[in-house]
Amino acid sequence: MRHTVVIPCGGAKLPHRAPAAELYTGSMFRVALRTARMMVDDSDIFILSAKYGLVALDEMLDPYDLKMTDKNCISDIEVQCQALWYGLEESVIGAFLPKAYLS
């Protein structure tokens, strides 16, 4: 059975396009990423981005200014569709997400 870890994006970002694992520069993001990497392989870690939804660590992203509490953020239906697209329906998913990501 596949084990997957989902971590939150962060407000601090590089000012240019970068792989998702490098785009977010905040200390809390770095701790979450380090912790996830102790649990599973990079291919089983996803970032839950307020703009892009579930993204793989190597996915190229442009910086953005959006929070999960903003009305224009990714919808839960879109995230569910992404989870199916990534084949996560049979995964055991662990998440290090703050409250704003869980509503």
N, C-alpha and C. Protein backbone atom coordinates (compact mmCIF):
# COMPACT_ATOMS: atom_id res chain seq x y z
N MET A 1 0.85 -1.18 0.00
CA MET A 1 0.00 0.00 0.00
C MET A 1 0.89 1.24 0.00
N ARG A 2 0.53 2.19 -0.81
CA ARG A 2 1.29 3.43 -0.94
C ARG A 2 1.00 4.36 0.24
N HIS A 3 2.04 4.97 0.78
CA HIS A 3 1.91 5.99 1.81
C HIS A 3 2.32 7.33 1.21
N THR A 4 1.49 8.32 1.43
CA THR A 4 1.69 9.65 0.86
C THR A 4 1.63 10.68 1.98
N VAL A 5 2.44 11.72 1.85
CA VAL A 5 2.42 12.82 2.82
C VAL A 5 2.10 14.11 2.08
N VAL A 6 1.18 14.88 2.64
CA VAL A 6 0.81 16.19 2.08
C VAL A 6 1.25 17.26 3.07
N ILE A 7 1.98 18.25 2.55
CA ILE A 7 2.46 19.35 3.39
C ILE A 7 1.92 20.67 2.83
N PRO A 8 1.82 21.69 3.67
CA PRO A 8 1.29 22.97 3.19
C PRO A 8 2.32 23.77 2.42
N CYS A 9 1.82 24.62 1.54
CA CYS A 9 2.68 25.59 0.88
C CYS A 9 3.09 26.64 1.93
N GLY A 10 3.72 27.70 1.52
CA GLY A 10 4.11 28.74 2.46
C GLY A 10 3.99 30.11 1.82
N GLY A 11 3.88 31.12 2.65
CA GLY A 11 3.76 32.48 2.16
C GLY A 11 5.05 33.02 1.58
N ALA A 12 6.18 32.62 2.15
CA ALA A 12 7.48 33.09 1.66
C ALA A 12 7.88 32.26 0.44
N LYS A 13 8.16 32.97 -0.66
CA LYS A 13 8.48 32.29 -1.91
C LYS A 13 9.62 33.01 -2.63
N LEU A 14 10.27 32.26 -3.50
CA LEU A 14 11.24 32.87 -4.40
C LEU A 14 10.49 33.82 -5.33
N PRO A 15 11.16 34.82 -5.89
CA PRO A 15 10.47 35.77 -6.78
C PRO A 15 10.39 35.29 -8.23
N HIS A 16 10.75 34.04 -8.49
CA HIS A 16 10.77 33.54 -9.87
C HIS A 16 10.29 32.09 -9.91
N ARG A 17 10.00 31.62 -11.10
CA ARG A 17 9.55 30.23 -11.33
C ARG A 17 10.61 29.26 -10.80
N ALA A 18 10.15 28.19 -10.15
CA ALA A 18 11.07 27.21 -9.57
C ALA A 18 10.31 25.92 -9.30
N PRO A 19 11.06 24.81 -9.10
CA PRO A 19 10.39 23.58 -8.67
C PRO A 19 9.70 23.83 -7.33
N ALA A 20 8.55 23.21 -7.13
CA ALA A 20 7.76 23.45 -5.92
C ALA A 20 8.58 23.28 -4.64
N ALA A 21 9.44 22.28 -4.57
CA ALA A 21 10.23 22.05 -3.36
C ALA A 21 11.20 23.19 -3.07
N GLU A 22 11.52 23.99 -4.08
CA GLU A 22 12.43 25.12 -3.90
C GLU A 22 11.71 26.47 -3.83
N LEU A 23 10.50 26.54 -4.42
CA LEU A 23 9.77 27.81 -4.49
C LEU A 23 9.46 28.37 -3.11
N TYR A 24 9.01 27.50 -2.22
CA TYR A 24 8.62 27.93 -0.88
C TYR A 24 9.86 27.99 0.01
N THR A 25 10.08 29.13 0.65
CA THR A 25 11.33 29.34 1.38
C THR A 25 11.17 29.52 2.88
N GLY A 26 9.96 29.50 3.37
CA GLY A 26 9.72 29.73 4.80
C GLY A 26 10.23 28.59 5.67
N SER A 27 10.52 28.93 6.92
CA SER A 27 11.08 27.93 7.84
C SER A 27 10.08 26.81 8.16
N MET A 28 8.81 27.11 8.28
CA MET A 28 7.82 26.07 8.57
C MET A 28 7.69 25.10 7.39
N PHE A 29 7.74 25.64 6.17
CA PHE A 29 7.71 24.76 5.00
C PHE A 29 8.92 23.85 4.99
N ARG A 30 10.08 24.39 5.26
CA ARG A 30 11.32 23.60 5.26
C ARG A 30 11.26 22.47 6.30
N VAL A 31 10.72 22.78 7.48
CA VAL A 31 10.59 21.75 8.52
C VAL A 31 9.62 20.66 8.07
N ALA A 32 8.49 21.06 7.51
CA ALA A 32 7.50 20.08 7.04
C ALA A 32 8.10 19.20 5.94
N LEU A 33 8.85 19.80 5.02
CA LEU A 33 9.46 19.04 3.94
C LEU A 33 10.50 18.06 4.47
N ARG A 34 11.33 18.53 5.38
CA ARG A 34 12.35 17.64 5.98
C ARG A 34 11.69 16.46 6.69
N THR A 35 10.65 16.75 7.43
CA THR A 35 9.94 15.70 8.17
C THR A 35 9.32 14.69 7.20
N ALA A 36 8.66 15.19 6.16
CA ALA A 36 8.04 14.31 5.18
C ALA A 36 9.09 13.42 4.51
N ARG A 37 10.25 13.99 4.23
CA ARG A 37 11.32 13.23 3.58
C ARG A 37 11.88 12.13 4.48
N MET A 38 11.70 12.25 5.78
CA MET A 38 12.11 11.18 6.68
C MET A 38 11.11 10.02 6.68
N MET A 39 9.92 10.28 6.17
CA MET A 39 8.84 9.29 6.21
C MET A 39 8.66 8.54 4.89
N VAL A 40 8.77 9.27 3.78
CA VAL A 40 8.50 8.67 2.46
C VAL A 40 9.47 9.24 1.43
N ASP A 41 9.48 8.62 0.26
CA ASP A 41 10.29 9.11 -0.85
C ASP A 41 9.70 10.40 -1.40
N ASP A 42 10.52 11.18 -2.08
CA ASP A 42 10.05 12.44 -2.67
C ASP A 42 8.85 12.25 -3.58
N SER A 43 8.79 11.13 -4.29
CA SER A 43 7.67 10.89 -5.21
C SER A 43 6.34 10.69 -4.48
N ASP A 44 6.39 10.52 -3.17
CA ASP A 44 5.17 10.34 -2.37
C ASP A 44 4.87 11.54 -1.48
N ILE A 45 5.48 12.68 -1.79
CA ILE A 45 5.22 13.92 -1.06
C ILE A 45 4.54 14.90 -2.02
N PHE A 46 3.47 15.50 -1.55
CA PHE A 46 2.78 16.53 -2.32
C PHE A 46 2.63 17.77 -1.46
N ILE A 47 2.70 18.90 -2.12
CA ILE A 47 2.47 20.19 -1.47
C ILE A 47 1.05 20.60 -1.81
N LEU A 48 0.31 21.06 -0.81
CA LEU A 48 -1.03 21.58 -1.06
C LEU A 48 -0.91 23.09 -1.18
N SER A 49 -0.97 23.55 -2.42
CA SER A 49 -0.82 24.96 -2.75
C SER A 49 -2.17 25.64 -2.82
N ALA A 50 -2.26 26.84 -2.28
CA ALA A 50 -3.51 27.60 -2.32
C ALA A 50 -3.92 27.94 -3.76
N LYS A 51 -2.96 28.06 -4.64
CA LYS A 51 -3.27 28.38 -6.04
C LYS A 51 -3.35 27.14 -6.93
N TYR A 52 -2.38 26.24 -6.79
CA TYR A 52 -2.25 25.13 -7.72
C TYR A 52 -2.83 23.81 -7.20
N GLY A 53 -3.17 23.72 -5.95
CA GLY A 53 -3.67 22.46 -5.39
C GLY A 53 -2.55 21.51 -5.07
N LEU A 54 -2.75 20.23 -5.29
CA LEU A 54 -1.72 19.23 -5.02
C LEU A 54 -0.64 19.30 -6.09
N VAL A 55 0.59 19.50 -5.66
CA VAL A 55 1.70 19.57 -6.61
C VAL A 55 2.83 18.66 -6.15
N ALA A 56 3.47 18.03 -7.11
CA ALA A 56 4.65 17.22 -6.83
C ALA A 56 5.83 18.13 -6.56
N LEU A 57 6.81 17.63 -5.85
CA LEU A 57 7.97 18.45 -5.46
C LEU A 57 8.73 19.01 -6.65
N ASP A 58 8.76 18.28 -7.76
CA ASP A 58 9.53 18.74 -8.91
C ASP A 58 8.71 19.54 -9.92
N GLU A 59 7.44 19.77 -9.63
CA GLU A 59 6.59 20.54 -10.54
C GLU A 59 7.02 22.01 -10.54
N MET A 60 7.17 22.57 -11.73
CA MET A 60 7.58 23.97 -11.86
C MET A 60 6.37 24.88 -11.60
N LEU A 61 6.57 25.84 -10.69
CA LEU A 61 5.50 26.76 -10.32
C LEU A 61 5.98 28.20 -10.40
N ASP A 62 5.05 29.08 -10.74
CA ASP A 62 5.31 30.51 -10.67
C ASP A 62 4.91 31.00 -9.28
N PRO A 63 5.61 31.99 -8.75
CA PRO A 63 5.21 32.53 -7.44
C PRO A 63 3.82 33.16 -7.53
N TYR A 64 3.16 33.24 -6.39
CA TYR A 64 1.80 33.79 -6.33
C TYR A 64 1.56 34.34 -4.94
N ASP A 65 0.50 35.11 -4.80
CA ASP A 65 0.12 35.66 -3.51
C ASP A 65 -1.33 35.29 -3.24
N LEU A 66 -1.53 34.14 -2.63
CA LEU A 66 -2.86 33.63 -2.37
C LEU A 66 -2.79 32.74 -1.14
N LYS A 67 -3.82 32.80 -0.31
CA LYS A 67 -3.91 31.97 0.90
C LYS A 67 -5.11 31.05 0.79
N MET A 68 -5.10 29.97 1.55
CA MET A 68 -6.22 29.03 1.54
C MET A 68 -7.52 29.67 2.01
N THR A 69 -7.44 30.74 2.73
CA THR A 69 -8.65 31.41 3.20
C THR A 69 -9.19 32.41 2.18
N ASP A 70 -8.47 32.67 1.09
CA ASP A 70 -8.93 33.58 0.04
C ASP A 70 -10.00 32.91 -0.81
N LYS A 71 -10.97 33.68 -1.26
CA LYS A 71 -12.08 33.07 -2.01
C LYS A 71 -11.65 32.56 -3.38
N ASN A 72 -10.53 33.00 -3.90
CA ASN A 72 -10.06 32.54 -5.21
C ASN A 72 -9.08 31.36 -5.12
N CYS A 73 -8.93 30.79 -3.93
CA CYS A 73 -7.99 29.68 -3.79
C CYS A 73 -8.57 28.41 -4.43
N ILE A 74 -7.74 27.41 -4.55
CA ILE A 74 -8.15 26.13 -5.12
C ILE A 74 -9.34 25.56 -4.34
N SER A 75 -10.26 24.94 -5.04
CA SER A 75 -11.44 24.38 -4.36
C SER A 75 -11.17 22.95 -3.90
N ASP A 76 -11.95 22.50 -2.93
CA ASP A 76 -11.78 21.13 -2.45
C ASP A 76 -12.11 20.12 -3.54
N ILE A 77 -13.04 20.44 -4.41
CA ILE A 77 -13.39 19.54 -5.52
C ILE A 77 -12.20 19.40 -6.47
N GLU A 78 -11.52 20.52 -6.76
CA GLU A 78 -10.34 20.46 -7.63
C GLU A 78 -9.24 19.61 -7.00
N VAL A 79 -9.04 19.75 -5.70
CA VAL A 79 -8.02 18.96 -5.01
C VAL A 79 -8.39 17.48 -5.04
N GLN A 80 -9.65 17.16 -4.86
CA GLN A 80 -10.09 15.76 -4.93
C GLN A 80 -9.82 15.18 -6.32
N CYS A 81 -10.09 15.96 -7.35
CA CYS A 81 -9.83 15.51 -8.72
C CYS A 81 -8.34 15.30 -8.95
N GLN A 82 -7.52 16.19 -8.41
CA GLN A 82 -6.07 16.04 -8.53
C GLN A 82 -5.60 14.77 -7.82
N ALA A 83 -6.15 14.50 -6.66
CA ALA A 83 -5.77 13.29 -5.91
C ALA A 83 -6.07 12.04 -6.75
N LEU A 84 -7.20 12.03 -7.41
CA LEU A 84 -7.54 10.90 -8.29
C LEU A 84 -6.58 10.84 -9.47
N TRP A 85 -6.25 11.98 -10.06
CA TRP A 85 -5.33 12.04 -11.20
C TRP A 85 -3.96 11.49 -10.81
N TYR A 86 -3.50 11.80 -9.60
CA TYR A 86 -2.23 11.29 -9.10
C TYR A 86 -2.33 9.82 -8.64
N GLY A 87 -3.51 9.25 -8.64
CA GLY A 87 -3.68 7.86 -8.25
C GLY A 87 -3.62 7.64 -6.75
N LEU A 88 -4.07 8.61 -5.97
CA LEU A 88 -3.96 8.53 -4.52
C LEU A 88 -5.17 7.90 -3.84
N GLU A 89 -6.14 7.41 -4.61
CA GLU A 89 -7.36 6.90 -3.99
C GLU A 89 -7.11 5.68 -3.11
N GLU A 90 -6.04 4.95 -3.34
CA GLU A 90 -5.72 3.78 -2.53
C GLU A 90 -4.60 4.06 -1.52
N SER A 91 -4.14 5.29 -1.46
CA SER A 91 -3.02 5.64 -0.58
C SER A 91 -3.47 5.88 0.86
N VAL A 92 -2.56 5.61 1.76
CA VAL A 92 -2.71 6.06 3.14
C VAL A 92 -2.07 7.45 3.15
N ILE A 93 -2.86 8.46 3.45
CA ILE A 93 -2.37 9.84 3.35
C ILE A 93 -2.22 10.45 4.73
N GLY A 94 -1.02 10.93 4.99
CA GLY A 94 -0.75 11.69 6.20
C GLY A 94 -0.58 13.14 5.80
N ALA A 95 -1.01 14.05 6.63
CA ALA A 95 -0.93 15.46 6.27
C ALA A 95 -0.44 16.29 7.44
N PHE A 96 0.46 17.23 7.15
CA PHE A 96 0.91 18.23 8.12
C PHE A 96 0.31 19.55 7.69
N LEU A 97 -0.97 19.74 7.97
CA LEU A 97 -1.67 20.92 7.46
C LEU A 97 -2.28 21.74 8.58
N PRO A 98 -2.13 23.06 8.50
CA PRO A 98 -2.79 23.92 9.48
C PRO A 98 -4.29 23.94 9.25
N LYS A 99 -5.01 24.45 10.20
CA LYS A 99 -6.48 24.45 10.18
C LYS A 99 -7.07 25.04 8.90
N ALA A 100 -6.49 26.11 8.38
CA ALA A 100 -7.02 26.76 7.18
C ALA A 100 -7.08 25.81 5.99
N TYR A 101 -6.22 24.81 5.97
CA TYR A 101 -6.19 23.86 4.86
C TYR A 101 -7.22 22.74 5.01
N LEU A 102 -7.77 22.61 6.16
CA LEU A 102 -8.66 21.48 6.44
C LEU A 102 -10.14 21.83 6.32
N SER A 103 -10.44 23.08 6.05
CA SER A 103 -11.87 23.46 5.97
C SER A 103 -12.40 23.35 4.57
